[in-house]
Amino acid sequence: MKSKTLYWGFPVCIISSIDENKNTNITPISSIYNVNDIVMIGINTSSNAYKNIKTNKNIIINVITDTM
C-alpha cells in the first residue's frame, strides 16, 4: 500500500523567496511534509523566508531526494 503522506527528515529542502527589494533569499528547511497535493512547511515567523512569503506569496521549494 502506498501512503499519500510523506515526512522527510533533516535536511530536506531549500526554499527560495524574493523580498520586497527583489532580492533572493535562500532558506534551508527541515520541517516539511505533504498530504496528497498540499505541502506543509514549518518556518519561524521571524525568519526572512516567512516575511517574504507573506509579502510575495511565491516561493520555490527544492526537495532533496532521500538517496542524498
C-alpha atoms as a PDB file:
ATOM      1  CA  MET A   1       0.000   0.000   0.000  1.00  0.00           C
ATOM      2  CA  LYS A   2       1.365   3.431  -0.922  1.00  0.00           C
ATOM      3  CA  SER A   3       0.765   6.236   1.535  1.00  0.00           C
ATOM      4  CA  LYS A   4      -0.233   9.662   0.235  1.00  0.00           C
ATOM      5  CA  THR A   5       1.571  11.233   3.203  1.00  0.00           C
ATOM      6  CA  LEU A   6       5.328  11.652   3.325  1.00  0.00           C
ATOM      7  CA  TYR A   7       7.523  13.229   6.002  1.00  0.00           C
ATOM      8  CA  TRP A   8      11.150  13.942   5.192  1.00  0.00           C
ATOM      9  CA  GLY A   9      13.860  14.138   7.862  1.00  0.00           C
ATOM     10  CA  PHE A  10      16.718  16.650   8.225  1.00  0.00           C
ATOM     11  CA  PRO A  11      17.979  18.188   5.904  1.00  0.00           C
ATOM     12  CA  VAL A  12      15.208  18.149   3.385  1.00  0.00           C
ATOM     13  CA  CYS A  13      14.863  21.178   1.162  1.00  0.00           C
ATOM     14  CA  ILE A  14      15.772  24.725   0.309  1.00  0.00           C
ATOM     15  CA  ILE A  15      13.175  27.467  -0.091  1.00  0.00           C
ATOM     16  CA  SER A  16      13.941  30.347  -2.429  1.00  0.00           C
ATOM     17  CA  SER A  17      11.900  33.506  -1.952  1.00  0.00           C
ATOM     18  CA  ILE A  18      12.037  37.123  -3.102  1.00  0.00           C
ATOM     19  CA  ASP A  19      11.928  40.099  -0.733  1.00  0.00           C
ATOM     20  CA  GLU A  20      10.297  43.498  -1.327  1.00  0.00           C
ATOM     21  CA  ASN A  21      13.528  44.769  -2.973  1.00  0.00           C
ATOM     22  CA  LYS A  22      13.534  41.835  -5.448  1.00  0.00           C
ATOM     23  CA  ASN A  23      16.496  40.173  -3.679  1.00  0.00           C
ATOM     24  CA  THR A  24      16.584  36.371  -3.475  1.00  0.00           C
ATOM     25  CA  ASN A  25      16.571  34.727  -0.048  1.00  0.00           C
ATOM     26  CA  ILE A  26      17.577  31.054   0.258  1.00  0.00           C
ATOM     27  CA  THR A  27      16.481  29.211   3.405  1.00  0.00           C
ATOM     28  CA  PRO A  28      17.179  25.577   4.394  1.00  0.00           C
ATOM     29  CA  ILE A  29      14.059  23.894   5.807  1.00  0.00           C
ATOM     30  CA  SER A  30      13.892  20.629   7.755  1.00  0.00           C
ATOM     31  CA  SER A  31      10.231  20.618   8.722  1.00  0.00           C
ATOM     32  CA  ILE A  32       8.222  19.758   5.613  1.00  0.00           C
ATOM     33  CA  TYR A  33       5.637  17.158   4.701  1.00  0.00           C
ATOM     34  CA  ASN A  34       2.901  16.618   2.196  1.00  0.00           C
ATOM     35  CA  VAL A  35      -0.636  15.262   2.377  1.00  0.00           C
ATOM     36  CA  ASN A  36      -1.960  14.481  -1.091  1.00  0.00           C
ATOM     37  CA  ASP A  37      -1.326  17.694  -3.095  1.00  0.00           C
ATOM     38  CA  ILE A  38      -0.741  20.020  -0.108  1.00  0.00           C
ATOM     39  CA  VAL A  39       2.810  20.776   1.081  1.00  0.00           C
ATOM     40  CA  MET A  40       3.211  21.915   4.693  1.00  0.00           C
ATOM     41  CA  ILE A  41       6.387  23.713   5.779  1.00  0.00           C
ATOM     42  CA  GLY A  42       7.471  24.734   9.248  1.00  0.00           C
ATOM     43  CA  ILE A  43       9.311  28.044   9.436  1.00  0.00           C
ATOM     44  CA  ASN A  44       9.912  30.592  12.168  1.00  0.00           C
ATOM     45  CA  THR A  45       7.670  33.670  11.943  1.00  0.00           C
ATOM     46  CA  SER A  46      10.705  35.912  12.498  1.00  0.00           C
ATOM     47  CA  SER A  47      12.602  34.466   9.511  1.00  0.00           C
ATOM     48  CA  ASN A  48      13.198  36.289   6.232  1.00  0.00           C
ATOM     49  CA  ALA A  49      11.512  33.419   4.373  1.00  0.00           C
ATOM     50  CA  TYR A  50       8.295  33.933   6.366  1.00  0.00           C
ATOM     51  CA  LYS A  51       8.346  37.694   5.753  1.00  0.00           C
ATOM     52  CA  ASN A  52       8.966  37.139   2.029  1.00  0.00           C
ATOM     53  CA  ILE A  53       6.139  34.598   1.748  1.00  0.00           C
ATOM     54  CA  LYS A  54       3.743  36.998   3.470  1.00  0.00           C
ATOM     55  CA  THR A  55       4.805  39.795   1.078  1.00  0.00           C
ATOM     56  CA  ASN A  56       5.227  37.949  -2.226  1.00  0.00           C
ATOM     57  CA  LYS A  57       3.251  34.669  -1.849  1.00  0.00           C
ATOM     58  CA  ASN A  58       5.582  32.917  -4.323  1.00  0.00           C
ATOM     59  CA  ILE A  59       8.378  30.508  -3.399  1.00  0.00           C
ATOM     60  CA  ILE A  60      10.388  27.736  -4.986  1.00  0.00           C
ATOM     61  CA  ILE A  61      10.840  24.558  -2.943  1.00  0.00           C
ATOM     62  CA  ASN A  62      13.802  22.350  -3.883  1.00  0.00           C
ATOM     63  CA  VAL A  63      13.420  18.931  -2.238  1.00  0.00           C
ATOM     64  CA  ILE A  64      16.480  16.762  -1.718  1.00  0.00           C
ATOM     65  CA  THR A  65      15.980  13.109  -2.637  1.00  0.00           C
ATOM     66  CA  ASP A  66      16.173  10.501   0.114  1.00  0.00           C
ATOM     67  CA  THR A  67      19.229   8.959  -1.563  1.00  0.00           C
ATOM     68  CA  MET A  68      21.274  12.056  -0.755  1.00  0.00           C
END
